[in-house]
Amino acid sequence: MKTITVKSLEQLLKQQADIKLIDVRERDEFSVDGIKEAENIPLSELEARTSEFNQTDEYVIICRSGNRSGMACQYLEESGIHTTNVQGGMIEWNRR
């Protein structure tokens, strides 16, 4: 599984307006401190919403700590979707 640090993610967001950032936390978590460029697709809805992902795109997946996003990356990779997991998730993002 490919990974990215929050520092690298921050640099990518500054460079690319079209980065496909997916936050897999639940809606209430996302509403508190979601990254404005992120789309919220909770892990609990991921299987039902897999058709929304394009197999030619690269997705950066984030959650609170990196565990749920890791599970999401594994599932999406098995479905042929290219992903990168954010190490440390929102915990690290909010520390930066």
PDB file of N, CA and C in Angstrom:
ATOM      1  N   MET A   1       0.837  -1.178   0.000  1.00  0.00           N
ATOM      2  CA  MET A   1       0.000   0.000   0.000  1.00  0.00           C
ATOM      3  C   MET A   1       0.884   1.245   0.000  1.00  0.00           C
ATOM      4  N   LYS A   2       0.572   2.161  -0.904  1.00  0.00           N
ATOM      5  CA  LYS A   2       1.319   3.411  -0.947  1.00  0.00           C
ATOM      6  C   LYS A   2       0.858   4.314   0.196  1.00  0.00           C
ATOM      7  N   THR A   3       1.802   5.089   0.731  1.00  0.00           N
ATOM      8  CA  THR A   3       1.476   6.017   1.806  1.00  0.00           C
ATOM      9  C   THR A   3       2.035   7.403   1.495  1.00  0.00           C
ATOM     10  N   ILE A   4       1.512   8.395   2.208  1.00  0.00           N
ATOM     11  CA  ILE A   4       1.964   9.771   2.075  1.00  0.00           C
ATOM     12  C   ILE A   4       1.916  10.405   3.470  1.00  0.00           C
ATOM     13  N   THR A   5       2.833  11.297   3.749  1.00  0.00           N
ATOM     14  CA  THR A   5       2.815  12.014   5.022  1.00  0.00           C
ATOM     15  C   THR A   5       1.858  13.199   4.909  1.00  0.00           C
ATOM     16  N   VAL A   6       1.442  13.732   6.050  1.00  0.00           N
ATOM     17  CA  VAL A   6       0.565  14.900   6.013  1.00  0.00           C
ATOM     18  C   VAL A   6       1.293  16.112   5.432  1.00  0.00           C
ATOM     19  N   LYS A   7       2.583  16.206   5.669  1.00  0.00           N
ATOM     20  CA  LYS A   7       3.361  17.310   5.103  1.00  0.00           C
ATOM     21  C   LYS A   7       3.341  17.240   3.578  1.00  0.00           C
ATOM     22  N   SER A   8       3.540  16.047   3.032  1.00  0.00           N
ATOM     23  CA  SER A   8       3.495  15.871   1.576  1.00  0.00           C
ATOM     24  C   SER A   8       2.091  16.129   1.039  1.00  0.00           C
ATOM     25  N   LEU A   9       1.072  15.699   1.780  1.00  0.00           N
ATOM     26  CA  LEU A   9      -0.308  15.955   1.367  1.00  0.00           C
ATOM     27  C   LEU A   9      -0.574  17.458   1.314  1.00  0.00           C
ATOM     28  N   GLU A  10      -0.124  18.170   2.320  1.00  0.00           N
ATOM     29  CA  GLU A  10      -0.316  19.619   2.351  1.00  0.00           C
ATOM     30  C   GLU A  10       0.338  20.276   1.130  1.00  0.00           C
ATOM     31  N   GLN A  11       1.539  19.830   0.772  1.00  0.00           N
ATOM     32  CA  GLN A  11       2.224  20.365  -0.400  1.00  0.00           C
ATOM     33  C   GLN A  11       1.448  20.045  -1.679  1.00  0.00           C
ATOM     34  N   LEU A  12       0.936  18.814  -1.781  1.00  0.00           N
ATOM     35  CA  LEU A  12       0.138  18.439  -2.955  1.00  0.00           C
ATOM     36  C   LEU A  12      -1.107  19.301  -3.079  1.00  0.00           C
ATOM     37  N   LEU A  13      -1.772  19.551  -1.959  1.00  0.00           N
ATOM     38  CA  LEU A  13      -2.987  20.361  -1.994  1.00  0.00           C
ATOM     39  C   LEU A  13      -2.686  21.785  -2.451  1.00  0.00           C
ATOM     40  N   LYS A  14      -1.518  22.292  -2.089  1.00  0.00           N
ATOM     41  CA  LYS A  14      -1.128  23.634  -2.527  1.00  0.00           C
ATOM     42  C   LYS A  14      -0.814  23.656  -4.024  1.00  0.00           C
ATOM     43  N   GLN A  15      -0.334  22.537  -4.560  1.00  0.00           N
ATOM     44  CA  GLN A  15       0.085  22.463  -5.960  1.00  0.00           C
ATOM     45  C   GLN A  15      -1.036  22.048  -6.910  1.00  0.00           C
ATOM     46  N   GLN A  16      -1.958  21.208  -6.423  1.00  0.00           N
ATOM     47  CA  GLN A  16      -2.974  20.618  -7.299  1.00  0.00           C
ATOM     48  C   GLN A  16      -4.367  20.878  -6.761  1.00  0.00           C
ATOM     49  N   ALA A  17      -5.146  21.624  -7.488  1.00  0.00           N
ATOM     50  CA  ALA A  17      -6.523  21.861  -7.065  1.00  0.00           C
ATOM     51  C   ALA A  17      -7.403  20.633  -7.307  1.00  0.00           C
ATOM     52  N   ASP A  18      -6.949  19.717  -8.162  1.00  0.00           N
ATOM     53  CA  ASP A  18      -7.791  18.581  -8.545  1.00  0.00           C
ATOM     54  C   ASP A  18      -7.429  17.271  -7.841  1.00  0.00           C
ATOM     55  N   ILE A  19      -6.694  17.326  -6.740  1.00  0.00           N
ATOM     56  CA  ILE A  19      -6.361  16.105  -6.007  1.00  0.00           C
ATOM     57  C   ILE A  19      -7.654  15.443  -5.525  1.00  0.00           C
ATOM     58  N   LYS A  20      -7.707  14.143  -5.616  1.00  0.00           N
ATOM     59  CA  LYS A  20      -8.891  13.392  -5.218  1.00  0.00           C
ATOM     60  C   LYS A  20      -8.674  12.859  -3.802  1.00  0.00           C
ATOM     61  N   LEU A  21      -9.043  13.682  -2.838  1.00  0.00           N
ATOM     62  CA  LEU A  21      -8.869  13.362  -1.423  1.00  0.00           C
ATOM     63  C   LEU A  21     -10.195  12.882  -0.859  1.00  0.00           C
ATOM     64  N   ILE A  22     -10.175  11.678  -0.293  1.00  0.00           N
ATOM     65  CA  ILE A  22     -11.382  11.067   0.269  1.00  0.00           C
ATOM     66  C   ILE A  22     -11.181  10.868   1.761  1.00  0.00           C
ATOM     67  N   ASP A  23     -12.105  11.392   2.559  1.00  0.00           N
ATOM     68  CA  ASP A  23     -12.097  11.222   4.011  1.00  0.00           C
ATOM     69  C   ASP A  23     -13.116  10.142   4.345  1.00  0.00           C
ATOM     70  N   VAL A  24     -12.655   9.036   4.939  1.00  0.00           N
ATOM     71  CA  VAL A  24     -13.547   7.898   5.193  1.00  0.00           C
ATOM     72  C   VAL A  24     -14.098   7.874   6.624  1.00  0.00           C
ATOM     73  N   ARG A  25     -13.924   8.980   7.356  1.00  0.00           N
ATOM     74  CA  ARG A  25     -14.532   9.057   8.685  1.00  0.00           C
ATOM     75  C   ARG A  25     -16.039   9.226   8.544  1.00  0.00           C
ATOM     76  N   GLU A  26     -16.753   8.988   9.634  1.00  0.00           N
ATOM     77  CA  GLU A  26     -18.197   9.173   9.624  1.00  0.00           C
ATOM     78  C   GLU A  26     -18.524  10.658   9.469  1.00  0.00           C
ATOM     79  N   ARG A  27     -19.726  10.946   9.014  1.00  0.00           N
ATOM     80  CA  ARG A  27     -20.127  12.318   8.695  1.00  0.00           C
ATOM     81  C   ARG A  27     -19.958  13.282   9.871  1.00  0.00           C
ATOM     82  N   ASP A  28     -20.305  12.840  11.080  1.00  0.00           N
ATOM     83  CA  ASP A  28     -20.181  13.731  12.233  1.00  0.00           C
ATOM     84  C   ASP A  28     -18.722  14.074  12.517  1.00  0.00           C
ATOM     85  N   GLU A  29     -17.810  13.129  12.317  1.00  0.00           N
ATOM     86  CA  GLU A  29     -16.382  13.397  12.497  1.00  0.00           C
ATOM     87  C   GLU A  29     -15.896  14.389  11.444  1.00  0.00           C
ATOM     88  N   PHE A  30     -16.289  14.148  10.209  1.00  0.00           N
ATOM     89  CA  PHE A  30     -15.866  14.997   9.094  1.00  0.00           C
ATOM     90  C   PHE A  30     -16.366  16.424   9.266  1.00  0.00           C
ATOM     91  N   SER A  31     -17.580  16.584   9.772  1.00  0.00           N
ATOM     92  CA  SER A  31     -18.157  17.928   9.915  1.00  0.00           C
ATOM     93  C   SER A  31     -17.401  18.771  10.938  1.00  0.00           C
ATOM     94  N   VAL A  32     -16.697  18.137  11.863  1.00  0.00           N
ATOM     95  CA  VAL A  32     -15.958  18.860  12.897  1.00  0.00           C
ATOM     96  C   VAL A  32     -14.654  19.433  12.359  1.00  0.00           C
ATOM     97  N   ASP A  33     -13.896  18.640  11.604  1.00  0.00           N
ATOM     98  CA  ASP A  33     -12.579  19.111  11.164  1.00  0.00           C
ATOM     99  C   ASP A  33     -12.133  18.530   9.825  1.00  0.00           C
ATOM    100  N   GLY A  34     -13.050  18.429   8.895  1.00  0.00           N
ATOM    101  CA  GLY A  34     -12.687  17.914   7.581  1.00  0.00           C
ATOM    102  C   GLY A  34     -11.836  18.901   6.787  1.00  0.00           C
ATOM    103  N   ILE A  35     -10.973  18.372   5.948  1.00  0.00           N
ATOM    104  CA  ILE A  35     -10.166  19.185   5.050  1.00  0.00           C
ATOM    105  C   ILE A  35     -11.082  19.649   3.919  1.00  0.00           C
ATOM    106  N   LYS A  36     -11.074  20.952   3.626  1.00  0.00           N
ATOM    107  CA  LYS A  36     -12.052  21.508   2.674  1.00  0.00           C
ATOM    108  C   LYS A  36     -11.983  20.863   1.294  1.00  0.00           C
ATOM    109  N   GLU A  37     -10.816  20.390   0.880  1.00  0.00           N
ATOM    110  CA  GLU A  37     -10.680  19.763  -0.444  1.00  0.00           C
ATOM    111  C   GLU A  37     -11.147  18.306  -0.462  1.00  0.00           C
ATOM    112  N   ALA A  38     -11.467  17.759   0.692  1.00  0.00           N
ATOM    113  CA  ALA A  38     -11.825  16.340   0.789  1.00  0.00           C
ATOM    114  C   ALA A  38     -13.303  16.111   0.524  1.00  0.00           C
ATOM    115  N   GLU A  39     -13.572  14.951  -0.048  1.00  0.00           N
ATOM    116  CA  GLU A  39     -14.940  14.460  -0.171  1.00  0.00           C
ATOM    117  C   GLU A  39     -15.135  13.430   0.924  1.00  0.00           C
ATOM    118  N   ASN A  40     -16.262  13.474   1.598  1.00  0.00           N
ATOM    119  CA  ASN A  40     -16.541  12.529   2.679  1.00  0.00           C
ATOM    120  C   ASN A  40     -17.311  11.334   2.131  1.00  0.00           C
ATOM    121  N   ILE A  41     -16.654  10.167   2.171  1.00  0.00           N
ATOM    122  CA  ILE A  41     -17.310   8.896   1.862  1.00  0.00           C
ATOM    123  C   ILE A  41     -16.986   7.981   3.040  1.00  0.00           C
ATOM    124  N   PRO A  42     -17.900   7.902   4.017  1.00  0.00           N
ATOM    125  CA  PRO A  42     -17.620   7.087   5.206  1.00  0.00           C
ATOM    126  C   PRO A  42     -17.291   5.640   4.845  1.00  0.00           C
ATOM    127  N   LEU A  43     -16.384   5.056   5.616  1.00  0.00           N
ATOM    128  CA  LEU A  43     -15.992   3.657   5.388  1.00  0.00           C
ATOM    129  C   LEU A  43     -17.219   2.753   5.371  1.00  0.00           C
ATOM    130  N   SER A  44     -18.204   3.064   6.204  1.00  0.00           N
ATOM    131  CA  SER A  44     -19.422   2.245   6.280  1.00  0.00           C
ATOM    132  C   SER A  44     -20.227   2.283   4.981  1.00  0.00           C
ATOM    133  N   GLU A  45     -19.977   3.266   4.116  1.00  0.00           N
ATOM    134  CA  GLU A  45     -20.690   3.388   2.837  1.00  0.00           C
ATOM    135  C   GLU A  45     -19.821   3.016   1.635  1.00  0.00           C
ATOM    136  N   LEU A  46     -18.561   2.712   1.889  1.00  0.00           N
ATOM    137  CA  LEU A  46     -17.597   2.556   0.798  1.00  0.00           C
ATOM    138  C   LEU A  46     -17.985   1.473  -0.202  1.00  0.00           C
ATOM    139  N   GLU A  47     -18.372   0.328   0.285  1.00  0.00           N
ATOM    140  CA  GLU A  47     -18.724  -0.768  -0.625  1.00  0.00           C
ATOM    141  C   GLU A  47     -19.865  -0.368  -1.547  1.00  0.00           C
ATOM    142  N   ALA A  48     -20.870   0.297  -1.011  1.00  0.00           N
ATOM    143  CA  ALA A  48     -22.025   0.706  -1.819  1.00  0.00           C
ATOM    144  C   ALA A  48     -21.683   1.829  -2.787  1.00  0.00           C
ATOM    145  N   ARG A  49     -20.588   2.560  -2.532  1.00  0.00           N
ATOM    146  CA  ARG A  49     -20.243   3.721  -3.354  1.00  0.00           C
ATOM    147  C   ARG A  49     -18.983   3.519  -4.204  1.00  0.00           C
ATOM    148  N   THR A  50     -18.495   2.296  -4.282  1.00  0.00           N
ATOM    149  CA  THR A  50     -17.283   2.009  -5.052  1.00  0.00           C
ATOM    150  C   THR A  50     -17.425   2.422  -6.511  1.00  0.00           C
ATOM    151  N   SER A  51     -18.622   2.361  -7.047  1.00  0.00           N
ATOM    152  CA  SER A  51     -18.833   2.725  -8.452  1.00  0.00           C
ATOM    153  C   SER A  51     -18.546   4.207  -8.716  1.00  0.00           C
ATOM    154  N   GLU A  52     -18.452   5.024  -7.678  1.00  0.00           N
ATOM    155  CA  GLU A  52     -18.153   6.449  -7.837  1.00  0.00           C
ATOM    156  C   GLU A  52     -16.663   6.702  -8.109  1.00  0.00           C
ATOM    157  N   PHE A  53     -15.835   5.673  -7.928  1.00  0.00           N
ATOM    158  CA  PHE A  53     -14.391   5.800  -8.125  1.00  0.00           C
ATOM    159  C   PHE A  53     -14.023   5.425  -9.552  1.00  0.00           C
ATOM    160  N   ASN A  54     -13.130   6.188 -10.145  1.00  0.00           N
ATOM    161  CA  ASN A  54     -12.657   5.945 -11.500  1.00  0.00           C
ATOM    162  C   ASN A  54     -11.348   5.157 -11.422  1.00  0.00           C
ATOM    163  N   GLN A  55     -11.238   4.070 -12.144  1.00  0.00           N
ATOM    164  CA  GLN A  55     -10.043   3.226 -12.083  1.00  0.00           C
ATOM    165  C   GLN A  55      -8.806   3.866 -12.697  1.00  0.00           C
ATOM    166  N   THR A  56      -8.959   4.952 -13.417  1.00  0.00           N
ATOM    167  CA  THR A  56      -7.787   5.613 -13.997  1.00  0.00           C
ATOM    168  C   THR A  56      -7.257   6.745 -13.117  1.00  0.00           C
ATOM    169  N   ASP A  57      -7.985   7.083 -12.062  1.00  0.00           N
ATOM    170  CA  ASP A  57      -7.560   8.155 -11.156  1.00  0.00           C
ATOM    171  C   ASP A  57      -6.809   7.601  -9.955  1.00  0.00           C
ATOM    172  N   GLU A  58      -6.111   8.486  -9.265  1.00  0.00           N
ATOM    173  CA  GLU A  58      -5.395   8.156  -8.027  1.00  0.00           C
ATOM    174  C   GLU A  58      -6.123   8.876  -6.893  1.00  0.00           C
ATOM    175  N   TYR A  59      -6.425   8.144  -5.832  1.00  0.00           N
ATOM    176  CA  TYR A  59      -7.152   8.695  -4.691  1.00  0.00           C
ATOM    177  C   TYR A  59      -6.265   8.683  -3.452  1.00  0.00           C
ATOM    178  N   VAL A  60      -6.315   9.769  -2.708  1.00  0.00           N
ATOM    179  CA  VAL A  60      -5.625   9.872  -1.433  1.00  0.00           C
ATOM    180  C   VAL A  60      -6.702   9.713  -0.370  1.00  0.00           C
ATOM    181  N   ILE A  61      -6.486   8.755   0.537  1.00  0.00           N
ATOM    182  CA  ILE A  61      -7.506   8.392   1.519  1.00  0.00           C
ATOM    183  C   ILE A  61      -7.025   8.768   2.920  1.00  0.00           C
ATOM    184  N   ILE A  62      -7.912   9.437   3.680  1.00  0.00           N
ATOM    185  CA  ILE A  62      -7.572   9.868   5.032  1.00  0.00           C
ATOM    186  C   ILE A  62      -8.699   9.501   5.996  1.00  0.00           C
ATOM    187  N   CYS A  63      -8.336   9.301   7.257  1.00  0.00           N
ATOM    188  CA  CYS A  63      -9.298   9.092   8.336  1.00  0.00           C
ATOM    189  C   CYS A  63      -8.738   9.771   9.584  1.00  0.00           C
ATOM    190  N   ARG A  64      -9.135   9.323  10.762  1.00  0.00           N
ATOM    191  CA  ARG A  64      -8.648   9.948  11.987  1.00  0.00           C
ATOM    192  C   ARG A  64      -7.187   9.625  12.251  1.00  0.00           C
ATOM    193  N   SER A  65      -6.827   8.327  12.149  1.00  0.00           N
ATOM    194  CA  SER A  65      -5.471   7.918  12.527  1.00  0.00           C
ATOM    195  C   SER A  65      -4.716   7.156  11.441  1.00  0.00           C
ATOM    196  N   GLY A  66      -5.401   6.688  10.439  1.00  0.00           N
ATOM    197  CA  GLY A  66      -4.774   5.905   9.382  1.00  0.00           C
ATOM    198  C   GLY A  66      -5.271   4.470   9.325  1.00  0.00           C
ATOM    199  N   ASN A  67      -6.016   4.028  10.341  1.00  0.00           N
ATOM    200  CA  ASN A  67      -6.513   2.648  10.341  1.00  0.00           C
ATOM    201  C   ASN A  67      -7.654   2.436   9.357  1.00  0.00           C
ATOM    202  N   ARG A  68      -8.702   3.239   9.468  1.00  0.00           N
ATOM    203  CA  ARG A  68      -9.840   3.080   8.550  1.00  0.00           C
ATOM    204  C   ARG A  68      -9.425   3.389   7.110  1.00  0.00           C
ATOM    205  N   SER A  69      -8.585   4.397   6.945  1.00  0.00           N
ATOM    206  CA  SER A  69      -8.144   4.703   5.584  1.00  0.00           C
ATOM    207  C   SER A  69      -7.304   3.559   5.019  1.00  0.00           C
ATOM    208  N   GLY A  70      -6.554   2.884   5.872  1.00  0.00           N
ATOM    209  CA  GLY A  70      -5.798   1.711   5.434  1.00  0.00           C
ATOM    210  C   GLY A  70      -6.725   0.599   4.967  1.00  0.00           C
ATOM    211  N   MET A  71      -7.812   0.378   5.725  1.00  0.00           N
ATOM    212  CA  MET A  71      -8.796  -0.635   5.321  1.00  0.00           C
ATOM    213  C   MET A  71      -9.463  -0.227   4.007  1.00  0.00           C
ATOM    214  N   ALA A  72      -9.777   1.074   3.882  1.00  0.00           N
ATOM    215  CA  ALA A  72     -10.402   1.567   2.654  1.00  0.00           C
ATOM    216  C   ALA A  72      -9.463   1.385   1.463  1.00  0.00           C
ATOM    217  N   CYS A  73      -8.189   1.711   1.654  1.00  0.00           N
ATOM    218  CA  CYS A  73      -7.208   1.540   0.579  1.00  0.00           C
ATOM    219  C   CYS A  73      -7.121   0.083   0.150  1.00  0.00           C
ATOM    220  N   GLN A  74      -7.067  -0.810   1.111  1.00  0.00           N
ATOM    221  CA  GLN A  74      -6.975  -2.233   0.793  1.00  0.00           C
ATOM    222  C   GLN A  74      -8.195  -2.680  -0.011  1.00  0.00           C
ATOM    223  N   TYR A  75      -9.377  -2.290   0.439  1.00  0.00           N
ATOM    224  CA  TYR A  75     -10.603  -2.665  -0.267  1.00  0.00           C
ATOM    225  C   TYR A  75     -10.614  -2.088  -1.689  1.00  0.00           C
ATOM    226  N   LEU A  76     -10.301  -0.802  -1.806  1.00  0.00           N
ATOM    227  CA  LEU A  76     -10.331  -0.158  -3.119  1.00  0.00           C
ATOM    228  C   LEU A  76      -9.282  -0.733  -4.058  1.00  0.00           C
ATOM    229  N   GLU A  77      -8.095  -1.016  -3.539  1.00  0.00           N
ATOM    230  CA  GLU A  77      -7.044  -1.629  -4.363  1.00  0.00           C
ATOM    231  C   GLU A  77      -7.510  -2.980  -4.900  1.00  0.00           C
ATOM    232  N   GLU A  78      -8.189  -3.757  -4.064  1.00  0.00           N
ATOM    233  CA  GLU A  78      -8.725  -5.055  -4.503  1.00  0.00           C
ATOM    234  C   GLU A  78      -9.787  -4.877  -5.584  1.00  0.00           C
ATOM    235  N   SER A  79     -10.386  -3.697  -5.619  1.00  0.00           N
ATOM    236  CA  SER A  79     -11.406  -3.377  -6.630  1.00  0.00           C
ATOM    237  C   SER A  79     -10.801  -2.690  -7.860  1.00  0.00           C
ATOM    238  N   GLY A  80      -9.461  -2.593  -7.904  1.00  0.00           N
ATOM    239  CA  GLY A  80      -8.789  -2.005  -9.052  1.00  0.00           C
ATOM    240  C   GLY A  80      -8.648  -0.492  -9.008  1.00  0.00           C
ATOM    241  N   ILE A  81      -8.852   0.104  -7.823  1.00  0.00           N
ATOM    242  CA  ILE A  81      -8.751   1.555  -7.663  1.00  0.00           C
ATOM    243  C   ILE A  81      -7.378   1.882  -7.086  1.00  0.00           C
ATOM    244  N   HIS A  82      -6.696   2.882  -7.635  1.00  0.00           N
ATOM    245  CA  HIS A  82      -5.368   3.288  -7.170  1.00  0.00           C
ATOM    246  C   HIS A  82      -5.507   4.224  -5.975  1.00  0.00           C
ATOM    247  N   THR A  83      -4.832   3.878  -4.867  1.00  0.00           N
ATOM    248  CA  THR A  83      -4.972   4.667  -3.643  1.00  0.00           C
ATOM    249  C   THR A  83      -3.635   4.928  -2.965  1.00  0.00           C
ATOM    250  N   THR A  84      -3.640   5.947  -2.124  1.00  0.00           N
ATOM    251  CA  THR A  84      -2.515   6.274  -1.246  1.00  0.00           C
ATOM    252  C   THR A  84      -3.100   6.598   0.117  1.00  0.00           C
ATOM    253  N   ASN A  85      -2.552   5.998   1.170  1.00  0.00           N
ATOM    254  CA  ASN A  85      -3.036   6.197   2.530  1.00  0.00           C
ATOM    255  C   ASN A  85      -2.245   7.310   3.212  1.00  0.00           C
ATOM    256  N   VAL A  86      -2.948   8.207   3.910  1.00  0.00           N
ATOM    257  CA  VAL A  86      -2.303   9.292   4.644  1.00  0.00           C
ATOM    258  C   VAL A  86      -1.869   8.777   6.015  1.00  0.00           C
ATOM    259  N   GLN A  87      -0.567   8.762   6.243  1.00  0.00           N
ATOM    260  CA  GLN A  87      -0.004   8.290   7.516  1.00  0.00           C
ATOM    261  C   GLN A  87      -0.415   9.217   8.654  1.00  0.00           C
ATOM    262  N   GLY A  88      -0.958   8.644   9.711  1.00  0.00           N
ATOM    263  CA  GLY A  88      -1.318   9.426  10.893  1.00  0.00           C
ATOM    264  C   GLY A  88      -2.637  10.153  10.792  1.00  0.00           C
ATOM    265  N   GLY A  89      -3.224  10.199   9.607  1.00  0.00           N
ATOM    266  CA  GLY A  89      -4.549  10.768   9.410  1.00  0.00           C
ATOM    267  C   GLY A  89      -4.731  12.178   9.941  1.00  0.00           C
ATOM    268  N   MET A  90      -5.952  12.463  10.366  1.00  0.00           N
ATOM    269  CA  MET A  90      -6.306  13.795  10.842  1.00  0.00           C
ATOM    270  C   MET A  90      -5.602  14.141  12.154  1.00  0.00           C
ATOM    271  N   ILE A  91      -5.220  13.147  12.920  1.00  0.00           N
ATOM    272  CA  ILE A  91      -4.460  13.430  14.143  1.00  0.00           C
ATOM    273  C   ILE A  91      -3.182  14.171  13.779  1.00  0.00           C
ATOM    274  N   GLU A  92      -2.448  13.652  12.801  1.00  0.00           N
ATOM    275  CA  GLU A  92      -1.202  14.301  12.359  1.00  0.00           C
ATOM    276  C   GLU A  92      -1.497  15.600  11.612  1.00  0.00           C
ATOM    277  N   TRP A  93      -2.566  15.615  10.807  1.00  0.00           N
ATOM    278  CA  TRP A  93      -2.916  16.820  10.063  1.00  0.00           C
ATOM    279  C   TRP A  93      -3.141  17.986  11.036  1.00  0.00           C
ATOM    280  N   ASN A  94      -3.869  17.732  12.107  1.00  0.00           N
ATOM    281  CA  ASN A  94      -4.184  18.797  13.066  1.00  0.00           C
ATOM    282  C   ASN A  94      -2.979  19.191  13.910  1.00  0.00           C
ATOM    283  N   ARG A  95      -1.955  18.358  13.991  1.00  0.00           N
ATOM    284  CA  ARG A  95      -0.726  18.683  14.724  1.00  0.00           C
ATOM    285  C   ARG A  95       0.213  19.570  13.939  1.00  0.00           C
ATOM    286  N   ARG A  96       0.112  19.576  12.634  1.00  0.00           N
ATOM    287  CA  ARG A  96       1.090  20.270  11.785  1.00  0.00           C
ATOM    288  C   ARG A  96       1.088  21.767  11.979  1.00  0.00           C
TER     289      ARG A  96
END
